[in-house]
Amino acid sequence: MKSPMILSAALVLTFAATGASAGDAAAGKAKAAVCAACHGADGHSSNDLWPSLAGQKEGYLKKQVKAFRDGSRTDPMMSPMAKPLSDADIDNLAAYFASLK
């Protein structure tokens, strides 16, 4: 049986190798104020034109926002909103919306 220290180190290395990073939900909440106009103040959209973001998986949210930012996915409203976001902003927003129910 491997020691807990070895298992912990293996998990850290695996996490680092995937390039995954955990966002700061509190920082994401502060940044999400502009998102509320379409996606709802609590991440629940009241309009079928815009998806609810609350409770979505963090990795999915990151992937979609990065796709809008880099142009591999386009939308006349989301593309310009995503363009100025840093990777840290996206991580934080994804952590925030994923934390909502």
PDB file of N, CA and C in Angstrom:
ATOM      1  N   MET A   1       0.841  -1.182   0.000  1.00  0.00           N
ATOM      2  CA  MET A   1       0.000   0.000   0.000  1.00  0.00           C
ATOM      3  C   MET A   1       0.888   1.248   0.000  1.00  0.00           C
ATOM      4  N   LYS A   2       0.556   2.191  -0.869  1.00  0.00           N
ATOM      5  CA  LYS A   2       1.349   3.419  -0.951  1.00  0.00           C
ATOM      6  C   LYS A   2       0.984   4.347   0.194  1.00  0.00           C
ATOM      7  N   SER A   3       1.968   5.125   0.602  1.00  0.00           N
ATOM      8  CA  SER A   3       1.719   6.053   1.707  1.00  0.00           C
ATOM      9  C   SER A   3       0.836   7.201   1.226  1.00  0.00           C
ATOM     10  N   PRO A   4       0.102   7.850   2.139  1.00  0.00           N
ATOM     11  CA  PRO A   4      -0.736   8.988   1.766  1.00  0.00           C
ATOM     12  C   PRO A   4       0.067  10.112   1.129  1.00  0.00           C
ATOM     13  N   MET A   5       1.335  10.277   1.546  1.00  0.00           N
ATOM     14  CA  MET A   5       2.180  11.337   0.994  1.00  0.00           C
ATOM     15  C   MET A   5       2.454  11.089  -0.487  1.00  0.00           C
ATOM     16  N   ILE A   6       2.724   9.853  -0.849  1.00  0.00           N
ATOM     17  CA  ILE A   6       2.988   9.513  -2.250  1.00  0.00           C
ATOM     18  C   ILE A   6       1.727   9.697  -3.076  1.00  0.00           C
ATOM     19  N   LEU A   7       0.581   9.270  -2.545  1.00  0.00           N
ATOM     20  CA  LEU A   7      -0.682   9.443  -3.260  1.00  0.00           C
ATOM     21  C   LEU A   7      -1.010  10.915  -3.441  1.00  0.00           C
ATOM     22  N   SER A   8      -0.780  11.724  -2.409  1.00  0.00           N
ATOM     23  CA  SER A   8      -1.028  13.158  -2.512  1.00  0.00           C
ATOM     24  C   SER A   8      -0.137  13.790  -3.569  1.00  0.00           C
ATOM     25  N   ALA A   9       1.117  13.432  -3.589  1.00  0.00           N
ATOM     26  CA  ALA A   9       2.043  13.967  -4.585  1.00  0.00           C
ATOM     27  C   ALA A   9       1.607  13.556  -5.984  1.00  0.00           C
ATOM     28  N   ALA A  10       1.154  12.325  -6.142  1.00  0.00           N
ATOM     29  CA  ALA A  10       0.691  11.853  -7.454  1.00  0.00           C
ATOM     30  C   ALA A  10      -0.530  12.636  -7.907  1.00  0.00           C
ATOM     31  N   LEU A  11      -1.440  12.936  -7.000  1.00  0.00           N
ATOM     32  CA  LEU A  11      -2.625  13.718  -7.352  1.00  0.00           C
ATOM     33  C   LEU A  11      -2.247  15.133  -7.760  1.00  0.00           C
ATOM     34  N   VAL A  12      -1.330  15.739  -7.042  1.00  0.00           N
ATOM     35  CA  VAL A  12      -0.875  17.088  -7.376  1.00  0.00           C
ATOM     36  C   VAL A  12      -0.239  17.097  -8.763  1.00  0.00           C
ATOM     37  N   LEU A  13       0.624  16.136  -9.033  1.00  0.00           N
ATOM     38  CA  LEU A  13       1.270  16.067 -10.342  1.00  0.00           C
ATOM     39  C   LEU A  13       0.265  15.817 -11.450  1.00  0.00           C
ATOM     40  N   THR A  14      -0.701  14.955 -11.215  1.00  0.00           N
ATOM     41  CA  THR A  14      -1.737  14.690 -12.213  1.00  0.00           C
ATOM     42  C   THR A  14      -2.538  15.947 -12.483  1.00  0.00           C
ATOM     43  N   PHE A  15      -2.927  16.653 -11.427  1.00  0.00           N
ATOM     44  CA  PHE A  15      -3.704  17.881 -11.556  1.00  0.00           C
ATOM     45  C   PHE A  15      -2.913  18.927 -12.333  1.00  0.00           C
ATOM     46  N   ALA A  16      -1.641  19.084 -12.022  1.00  0.00           N
ATOM     47  CA  ALA A  16      -0.791  20.064 -12.705  1.00  0.00           C
ATOM     48  C   ALA A  16      -0.583  19.693 -14.160  1.00  0.00           C
ATOM     49  N   ALA A  17      -0.450  18.421 -14.446  1.00  0.00           N
ATOM     50  CA  ALA A  17      -0.193  17.972 -15.814  1.00  0.00           C
ATOM     51  C   ALA A  17      -1.386  18.204 -16.727  1.00  0.00           C
ATOM     52  N   THR A  18      -2.584  18.217 -16.176  1.00  0.00           N
ATOM     53  CA  THR A  18      -3.777  18.421 -17.007  1.00  0.00           C
ATOM     54  C   THR A  18      -3.985  19.884 -17.337  1.00  0.00           C
ATOM     55  N   GLY A  19      -3.270  20.758 -16.643  1.00  0.00           N
ATOM     56  CA  GLY A  19      -3.447  22.185 -16.873  1.00  0.00           C
ATOM     57  C   GLY A  19      -4.708  22.713 -16.208  1.00  0.00           C
ATOM     58  N   ALA A  20      -5.377  21.875 -15.431  1.00  0.00           N
ATOM     59  CA  ALA A  20      -6.589  22.291 -14.755  1.00  0.00           C
ATOM     60  C   ALA A  20      -6.219  23.181 -13.585  1.00  0.00           C
ATOM     61  N   SER A  21      -7.019  24.183 -13.377  1.00  0.00           N
ATOM     62  CA  SER A  21      -6.798  25.019 -12.218  1.00  0.00           C
ATOM     63  C   SER A  21      -8.143  25.357 -11.616  1.00  0.00           C
ATOM     64  N   ALA A  22      -8.144  25.388 -10.315  1.00  0.00           N
ATOM     65  CA  ALA A  22      -9.372  25.710  -9.611  1.00  0.00           C
ATOM     66  C   ALA A  22      -9.513  27.220  -9.553  1.00  0.00           C
ATOM     67  N   GLY A  23     -10.704  27.675  -9.795  1.00  0.00           N
ATOM     68  CA  GLY A  23     -10.961  29.098  -9.737  1.00  0.00           C
ATOM     69  C   GLY A  23     -11.382  29.530  -8.344  1.00  0.00           C
ATOM     70  N   ASP A  24     -11.447  30.810  -8.157  1.00  0.00           N
ATOM     71  CA  ASP A  24     -11.866  31.432  -6.906  1.00  0.00           C
ATOM     72  C   ASP A  24     -13.311  31.903  -7.099  1.00  0.00           C
ATOM     73  N   ALA A  25     -14.249  31.181  -6.484  1.00  0.00           N
ATOM     74  CA  ALA A  25     -15.673  31.483  -6.665  1.00  0.00           C
ATOM     75  C   ALA A  25     -16.023  32.898  -6.197  1.00  0.00           C
ATOM     76  N   ALA A  26     -15.386  33.373  -5.132  1.00  0.00           N
ATOM     77  CA  ALA A  26     -15.676  34.726  -4.640  1.00  0.00           C
ATOM     78  C   ALA A  26     -15.251  35.778  -5.670  1.00  0.00           C
ATOM     79  N   ALA A  27     -14.086  35.586  -6.266  1.00  0.00           N
ATOM     80  CA  ALA A  27     -13.629  36.508  -7.315  1.00  0.00           C
ATOM     81  C   ALA A  27     -14.536  36.396  -8.534  1.00  0.00           C
ATOM     82  N   GLY A  28     -14.994  35.183  -8.826  1.00  0.00           N
ATOM     83  CA  GLY A  28     -15.904  34.979  -9.946  1.00  0.00           C
ATOM     84  C   GLY A  28     -17.232  35.679  -9.727  1.00  0.00           C
ATOM     85  N   LYS A  29     -17.719  35.657  -8.495  1.00  0.00           N
ATOM     86  CA  LYS A  29     -18.989  36.328  -8.181  1.00  0.00           C
ATOM     87  C   LYS A  29     -18.877  37.820  -8.460  1.00  0.00           C
ATOM     88  N   ALA A  30     -17.767  38.420  -8.065  1.00  0.00           N
ATOM     89  CA  ALA A  30     -17.561  39.844  -8.300  1.00  0.00           C
ATOM     90  C   ALA A  30     -17.508  40.148  -9.799  1.00  0.00           C
ATOM     91  N   LYS A  31     -16.899  39.274 -10.554  1.00  0.00           N
ATOM     92  CA  LYS A  31     -16.747  39.471 -12.000  1.00  0.00           C
ATOM     93  C   LYS A  31     -18.057  39.180 -12.746  1.00  0.00           C
ATOM     94  N   ALA A  32     -18.957  38.393 -12.140  1.00  0.00           N
ATOM     95  CA  ALA A  32     -20.158  37.911 -12.805  1.00  0.00           C
ATOM     96  C   ALA A  32     -21.296  38.931 -12.872  1.00  0.00           C
ATOM     97  N   ALA A  33     -21.129  40.093 -12.282  1.00  0.00           N
ATOM     98  CA  ALA A  33     -22.213  41.082 -12.276  1.00  0.00           C
ATOM     99  C   ALA A  33     -22.701  41.385 -13.690  1.00  0.00           C
ATOM    100  N   VAL A  34     -21.788  41.485 -14.631  1.00  0.00           N
ATOM    101  CA  VAL A  34     -22.162  41.791 -16.012  1.00  0.00           C
ATOM    102  C   VAL A  34     -22.913  40.623 -16.665  1.00  0.00           C
ATOM    103  N   CYS A  35     -22.675  39.406 -16.194  1.00  0.00           N
ATOM    104  CA  CYS A  35     -23.329  38.211 -16.746  1.00  0.00           C
ATOM    105  C   CYS A  35     -24.818  38.157 -16.393  1.00  0.00           C
ATOM    106  N   ALA A  36     -25.178  38.819 -15.280  1.00  0.00           N
ATOM    107  CA  ALA A  36     -26.539  38.743 -14.749  1.00  0.00           C
ATOM    108  C   ALA A  36     -27.590  39.262 -15.729  1.00  0.00           C
ATOM    109  N   ALA A  37     -27.228  40.207 -16.556  1.00  0.00           N
ATOM    110  CA  ALA A  37     -28.205  40.776 -17.487  1.00  0.00           C
ATOM    111  C   ALA A  37     -28.844  39.716 -18.380  1.00  0.00           C
ATOM    112  N   CYS A  38     -28.075  38.731 -18.778  1.00  0.00           N
ATOM    113  CA  CYS A  38     -28.611  37.678 -19.646  1.00  0.00           C
ATOM    114  C   CYS A  38     -28.798  36.349 -18.918  1.00  0.00           C
ATOM    115  N   HIS A  39     -27.860  36.017 -18.052  1.00  0.00           N
ATOM    116  CA  HIS A  39     -27.857  34.688 -17.429  1.00  0.00           C
ATOM    117  C   HIS A  39     -28.501  34.670 -16.046  1.00  0.00           C
ATOM    118  N   GLY A  40     -29.011  35.812 -15.586  1.00  0.00           N
ATOM    119  CA  GLY A  40     -29.691  35.899 -14.299  1.00  0.00           C
ATOM    120  C   GLY A  40     -28.742  36.190 -13.155  1.00  0.00           C
ATOM    121  N   ALA A  41     -29.250  36.922 -12.159  1.00  0.00           N
ATOM    122  CA  ALA A  41     -28.437  37.315 -11.018  1.00  0.00           C
ATOM    123  C   ALA A  41     -27.925  36.112 -10.237  1.00  0.00           C
ATOM    124  N   ASP A  42     -28.698  35.030 -10.258  1.00  0.00           N
ATOM    125  CA  ASP A  42     -28.297  33.820  -9.536  1.00  0.00           C
ATOM    126  C   ASP A  42     -27.868  32.706 -10.496  1.00  0.00           C
ATOM    127  N   GLY A  43     -27.574  33.100 -11.746  1.00  0.00           N
ATOM    128  CA  GLY A  43     -27.145  32.119 -12.742  1.00  0.00           C
ATOM    129  C   GLY A  43     -28.283  31.373 -13.404  1.00  0.00           C
ATOM    130  N   HIS A  44     -29.525  31.746 -13.079  1.00  0.00           N
ATOM    131  CA  HIS A  44     -30.704  31.113 -13.670  1.00  0.00           C
ATOM    132  C   HIS A  44     -31.352  32.099 -14.633  1.00  0.00           C
ATOM    133  N   SER A  45     -31.215  31.833 -15.913  1.00  0.00           N
ATOM    134  CA  SER A  45     -31.767  32.713 -16.939  1.00  0.00           C
ATOM    135  C   SER A  45     -33.286  32.610 -16.960  1.00  0.00           C
ATOM    136  N   SER A  46     -33.928  33.747 -17.119  1.00  0.00           N
ATOM    137  CA  SER A  46     -35.390  33.752 -17.235  1.00  0.00           C
ATOM    138  C   SER A  46     -35.817  33.852 -18.695  1.00  0.00           C
ATOM    139  N   ASN A  47     -34.851  33.819 -19.604  1.00  0.00           N
ATOM    140  CA  ASN A  47     -35.125  33.943 -21.035  1.00  0.00           C
ATOM    141  C   ASN A  47     -34.535  32.725 -21.747  1.00  0.00           C
ATOM    142  N   ASP A  48     -35.340  32.076 -22.565  1.00  0.00           N
ATOM    143  CA  ASP A  48     -34.883  30.884 -23.283  1.00  0.00           C
ATOM    144  C   ASP A  48     -33.746  31.161 -24.276  1.00  0.00           C
ATOM    145  N   LEU A  49     -33.502  32.424 -24.595  1.00  0.00           N
ATOM    146  CA  LEU A  49     -32.412  32.758 -25.517  1.00  0.00           C
ATOM    147  C   LEU A  49     -31.042  32.536 -24.888  1.00  0.00           C
ATOM    148  N   TRP A  50     -30.950  32.606 -23.540  1.00  0.00           N
ATOM    149  CA  TRP A  50     -29.677  32.503 -22.855  1.00  0.00           C
ATOM    150  C   TRP A  50     -29.723  31.352 -21.859  1.00  0.00           C
ATOM    151  N   PRO A  51     -28.694  30.547 -21.836  1.00  0.00           N
ATOM    152  CA  PRO A  51     -28.702  29.394 -20.920  1.00  0.00           C
ATOM    153  C   PRO A  51     -28.478  29.795 -19.459  1.00  0.00           C
ATOM    154  N   SER A  52     -29.006  28.978 -18.588  1.00  0.00           N
ATOM    155  CA  SER A  52     -28.694  29.116 -17.169  1.00  0.00           C
ATOM    156  C   SER A  52     -27.289  28.544 -16.957  1.00  0.00           C
ATOM    157  N   LEU A  53     -26.508  29.235 -16.155  1.00  0.00           N
ATOM    158  CA  LEU A  53     -25.133  28.805 -15.899  1.00  0.00           C
ATOM    159  C   LEU A  53     -24.981  28.139 -14.537  1.00  0.00           C
ATOM    160  N   ALA A  54     -25.910  28.399 -13.633  1.00  0.00           N
ATOM    161  CA  ALA A  54     -25.836  27.837 -12.280  1.00  0.00           C
ATOM    162  C   ALA A  54     -25.809  26.317 -12.333  1.00  0.00           C
ATOM    163  N   GLY A  55     -24.836  25.745 -11.626  1.00  0.00           N
ATOM    164  CA  GLY A  55     -24.751  24.302 -11.513  1.00  0.00           C
ATOM    165  C   GLY A  55     -24.126  23.582 -12.691  1.00  0.00           C
ATOM    166  N   GLN A  56     -23.721  24.312 -13.719  1.00  0.00           N
ATOM    167  CA  GLN A  56     -23.030  23.667 -14.833  1.00  0.00           C
ATOM    168  C   GLN A  56     -21.659  23.206 -14.335  1.00  0.00           C
ATOM    169  N   LYS A  57     -21.113  22.211 -14.990  1.00  0.00           N
ATOM    170  CA  LYS A  57     -19.787  21.716 -14.606  1.00  0.00           C
ATOM    171  C   LYS A  57     -18.730  22.779 -14.920  1.00  0.00           C
ATOM    172  N   GLU A  58     -17.802  22.921 -13.989  1.00  0.00           N
ATOM    173  CA  GLU A  58     -16.770  23.944 -14.110  1.00  0.00           C
ATOM    174  C   GLU A  58     -15.952  23.795 -15.394  1.00  0.00           C
ATOM    175  N   GLY A  59     -15.555  22.575 -15.718  1.00  0.00           N
ATOM    176  CA  GLY A  59     -14.766  22.349 -16.928  1.00  0.00           C
ATOM    177  C   GLY A  59     -15.521  22.712 -18.192  1.00  0.00           C
ATOM    178  N   TYR A  60     -16.804  22.413 -18.220  1.00  0.00           N
ATOM    179  CA  TYR A  60     -17.641  22.754 -19.377  1.00  0.00           C
ATOM    180  C   TYR A  60     -17.714  24.271 -19.549  1.00  0.00           C
ATOM    181  N   LEU A  61     -17.955  24.984 -18.456  1.00  0.00           N
ATOM    182  CA  LEU A  61     -18.035  26.437 -18.534  1.00  0.00           C
ATOM    183  C   LEU A  61     -16.728  27.041 -19.034  1.00  0.00           C
ATOM    184  N   LYS A  62     -15.614  26.555 -18.508  1.00  0.00           N
ATOM    185  CA  LYS A  62     -14.301  27.051 -18.956  1.00  0.00           C
ATOM    186  C   LYS A  62     -14.119  26.832 -20.451  1.00  0.00           C
ATOM    187  N   LYS A  63     -14.427  25.626 -20.892  1.00  0.00           N
ATOM    188  CA  LYS A  63     -14.244  25.285 -22.305  1.00  0.00           C
ATOM    189  C   LYS A  63     -15.072  26.195 -23.208  1.00  0.00           C
ATOM    190  N   GLN A  64     -16.320  26.428 -22.838  1.00  0.00           N
ATOM    191  CA  GLN A  64     -17.191  27.238 -23.680  1.00  0.00           C
ATOM    192  C   GLN A  64     -16.761  28.710 -23.718  1.00  0.00           C
ATOM    193  N   VAL A  65     -16.421  29.262 -22.564  1.00  0.00           N
ATOM    194  CA  VAL A  65     -16.016  30.673 -22.543  1.00  0.00           C
ATOM    195  C   VAL A  65     -14.695  30.857 -23.291  1.00  0.00           C
ATOM    196  N   LYS A  66     -13.771  29.914 -23.136  1.00  0.00           N
ATOM    197  CA  LYS A  66     -12.511  30.003 -23.880  1.00  0.00           C
ATOM    198  C   LYS A  66     -12.755  29.885 -25.385  1.00  0.00           C
ATOM    199  N   ALA A  67     -13.716  29.071 -25.772  1.00  0.00           N
ATOM    200  CA  ALA A  67     -14.051  28.942 -27.195  1.00  0.00           C
ATOM    201  C   ALA A  67     -14.607  30.258 -27.733  1.00  0.00           C
ATOM    202  N   PHE A  68     -15.439  30.943 -26.954  1.00  0.00           N
ATOM    203  CA  PHE A  68     -15.930  32.266 -27.372  1.00  0.00           C
ATOM    204  C   PHE A  68     -14.770  33.256 -27.452  1.00  0.00           C
ATOM    205  N   ARG A  69     -13.872  33.178 -26.479  1.00  0.00           N
ATOM    206  CA  ARG A  69     -12.742  34.110 -26.450  1.00  0.00           C
ATOM    207  C   ARG A  69     -11.808  33.923 -27.638  1.00  0.00           C
ATOM    208  N   ASP A  70     -11.511  32.652 -27.993  1.00  0.00           N
ATOM    209  CA  ASP A  70     -10.549  32.424 -29.075  1.00  0.00           C
ATOM    210  C   ASP A  70     -11.177  32.372 -30.463  1.00  0.00           C
ATOM    211  N   GLY A  71     -12.506  32.451 -30.528  1.00  0.00           N
ATOM    212  CA  GLY A  71     -13.183  32.503 -31.819  1.00  0.00           C
ATOM    213  C   GLY A  71     -13.574  31.159 -32.395  1.00  0.00           C
ATOM    214  N   SER A  72     -13.275  30.056 -31.720  1.00  0.00           N
ATOM    215  CA  SER A  72     -13.690  28.750 -32.248  1.00  0.00           C
ATOM    216  C   SER A  72     -15.192  28.536 -32.068  1.00  0.00           C
ATOM    217  N   ARG A  73     -15.805  29.336 -31.220  1.00  0.00           N
ATOM    218  CA  ARG A  73     -17.262  29.390 -31.086  1.00  0.00           C
ATOM    219  C   ARG A  73     -17.617  30.869 -31.125  1.00  0.00           C
ATOM    220  N   THR A  74     -18.638  31.210 -31.882  1.00  0.00           N
ATOM    221  CA  THR A  74     -18.969  32.626 -32.000  1.00  0.00           C
ATOM    222  C   THR A  74     -20.429  32.891 -31.668  1.00  0.00           C
ATOM    223  N   ASP A  75     -20.655  34.056 -31.149  1.00  0.00           N
ATOM    224  CA  ASP A  75     -21.980  34.564 -30.851  1.00  0.00           C
ATOM    225  C   ASP A  75     -21.848  36.078 -30.798  1.00  0.00           C
ATOM    226  N   PRO A  76     -22.799  36.805 -31.415  1.00  0.00           N
ATOM    227  CA  PRO A  76     -22.657  38.262 -31.464  1.00  0.00           C
ATOM    228  C   PRO A  76     -22.611  38.936 -30.093  1.00  0.00           C
ATOM    229  N   MET A  77     -23.171  38.304 -29.064  1.00  0.00           N
ATOM    230  CA  MET A  77     -23.128  38.910 -27.727  1.00  0.00           C
ATOM    231  C   MET A  77     -22.001  38.334 -26.874  1.00  0.00           C
ATOM    232  N   MET A  78     -21.823  37.023 -26.910  1.00  0.00           N
ATOM    233  CA  MET A  78     -20.835  36.385 -26.030  1.00  0.00           C
ATOM    234  C   MET A  78     -19.396  36.577 -26.493  1.00  0.00           C
ATOM    235  N   SER A  79     -19.163  36.563 -27.766  1.00  0.00           N
ATOM    236  CA  SER A  79     -17.776  36.690 -28.250  1.00  0.00           C
ATOM    237  C   SER A  79     -17.106  37.962 -27.743  1.00  0.00           C
ATOM    238  N   PRO A  80     -17.740  39.130 -27.875  1.00  0.00           N
ATOM    239  CA  PRO A  80     -17.085  40.335 -27.359  1.00  0.00           C
ATOM    240  C   PRO A  80     -17.005  40.364 -25.827  1.00  0.00           C
ATOM    241  N   MET A  81     -17.924  39.698 -25.148  1.00  0.00           N
ATOM    242  CA  MET A  81     -17.878  39.651 -23.688  1.00  0.00           C
ATOM    243  C   MET A  81     -16.702  38.794 -23.212  1.00  0.00           C
ATOM    244  N   ALA A  82     -16.418  37.722 -23.939  1.00  0.00           N
ATOM    245  CA  ALA A  82     -15.366  36.790 -23.543  1.00  0.00           C
ATOM    246  C   ALA A  82     -13.972  37.257 -23.952  1.00  0.00           C
ATOM    247  N   LYS A  83     -13.894  38.047 -24.999  1.00  0.00           N
ATOM    248  CA  LYS A  83     -12.604  38.452 -25.568  1.00  0.00           C
ATOM    249  C   LYS A  83     -11.621  39.018 -24.538  1.00  0.00           C
ATOM    250  N   PRO A  84     -12.026  39.923 -23.642  1.00  0.00           N
ATOM    251  CA  PRO A  84     -11.046  40.498 -22.709  1.00  0.00           C
ATOM    252  C   PRO A  84     -10.760  39.654 -21.464  1.00  0.00           C
ATOM    253  N   LEU A  85     -11.433  38.515 -21.306  1.00  0.00           N
ATOM    254  CA  LEU A  85     -11.257  37.715 -20.098  1.00  0.00           C
ATOM    255  C   LEU A  85      -9.918  36.978 -20.094  1.00  0.00           C
ATOM    256  N   SER A  86      -9.253  37.016 -18.963  1.00  0.00           N
ATOM    257  CA  SER A  86      -8.013  36.254 -18.787  1.00  0.00           C
ATOM    258  C   SER A  86      -8.376  34.821 -18.411  1.00  0.00           C
ATOM    259  N   ASP A  87      -7.379  33.933 -18.450  1.00  0.00           N
ATOM    260  CA  ASP A  87      -7.622  32.560 -18.009  1.00  0.00           C
ATOM    261  C   ASP A  87      -8.088  32.540 -16.554  1.00  0.00           C
ATOM    262  N   ALA A  88      -7.505  33.392 -15.720  1.00  0.00           N
ATOM    263  CA  ALA A  88      -7.903  33.455 -14.306  1.00  0.00           C
ATOM    264  C   ALA A  88      -9.348  33.926 -14.171  1.00  0.00           C
ATOM    265  N   ASP A  89      -9.745  34.919 -14.972  1.00  0.00           N
ATOM    266  CA  ASP A  89     -11.140  35.377 -14.951  1.00  0.00           C
ATOM    267  C   ASP A  89     -12.082  34.230 -15.286  1.00  0.00           C
ATOM    268  N   ILE A  90     -11.744  33.484 -16.318  1.00  0.00           N
ATOM    269  CA  ILE A  90     -12.584  32.365 -16.763  1.00  0.00           C
ATOM    270  C   ILE A  90     -12.636  31.285 -15.684  1.00  0.00           C
ATOM    271  N   ASP A  91     -11.501  30.963 -15.084  1.00  0.00           N
ATOM    272  CA  ASP A  91     -11.475  29.983 -13.993  1.00  0.00           C
ATOM    273  C   ASP A  91     -12.378  30.433 -12.849  1.00  0.00           C
ATOM    274  N   ASN A  92     -12.294  31.709 -12.490  1.00  0.00           N
ATOM    275  CA  ASN A  92     -13.073  32.238 -11.374  1.00  0.00           C
ATOM    276  C   ASN A  92     -14.563  32.256 -11.687  1.00  0.00           C
ATOM    277  N   LEU A  93     -14.920  32.688 -12.880  1.00  0.00           N
ATOM    278  CA  LEU A  93     -16.333  32.693 -13.282  1.00  0.00           C
ATOM    279  C   LEU A  93     -16.900  31.276 -13.297  1.00  0.00           C
ATOM    280  N   ALA A  94     -16.131  30.347 -13.843  1.00  0.00           N
ATOM    281  CA  ALA A  94     -16.585  28.957 -13.905  1.00  0.00           C
ATOM    282  C   ALA A  94     -16.759  28.388 -12.498  1.00  0.00           C
ATOM    283  N   ALA A  95     -15.842  28.692 -11.598  1.00  0.00           N
ATOM    284  CA  ALA A  95     -15.955  28.211 -10.217  1.00  0.00           C
ATOM    285  C   ALA A  95     -17.207  28.786  -9.558  1.00  0.00           C
ATOM    286  N   TYR A  96     -17.471  30.055  -9.797  1.00  0.00           N
ATOM    287  CA  TYR A  96     -18.647  30.697  -9.211  1.00  0.00           C
ATOM    288  C   TYR A  96     -19.936  30.062  -9.721  1.00  0.00           C
ATOM    289  N   PHE A  97     -20.104  30.004 -11.027  1.00  0.00           N
ATOM    290  CA  PHE A  97     -21.360  29.469 -11.577  1.00  0.00           C
ATOM    291  C   PHE A  97     -21.530  27.984 -11.254  1.00  0.00           C
ATOM    292  N   ALA A  98     -20.439  27.240 -11.228  1.00  0.00           N
ATOM    293  CA  ALA A  98     -20.523  25.810 -10.875  1.00  0.00           C
ATOM    294  C   ALA A  98     -20.948  25.633  -9.415  1.00  0.00           C
ATOM    295  N   SER A  99     -20.633  26.605  -8.570  1.00  0.00           N
ATOM    296  CA  SER A  99     -20.966  26.493  -7.150  1.00  0.00           C
ATOM    297  C   SER A  99     -22.441  26.774  -6.868  1.00  0.00           C
ATOM    298  N   LEU A 100     -23.127  27.378  -7.815  1.00  0.00           N
ATOM    299  CA  LEU A 100     -24.539  27.737  -7.612  1.00  0.00           C
ATOM    300  C   LEU A 100     -25.439  26.538  -7.879  1.00  0.00           C
ATOM    301  N   LYS A 101     -26.557  26.520  -7.240  1.00  0.00           N
ATOM    302  CA  LYS A 101     -27.537  25.441  -7.453  1.00  0.00           C
ATOM    303  C   LYS A 101     -28.790  25.988  -8.076  1.00  0.00           C
TER     304      LYS A 101
END
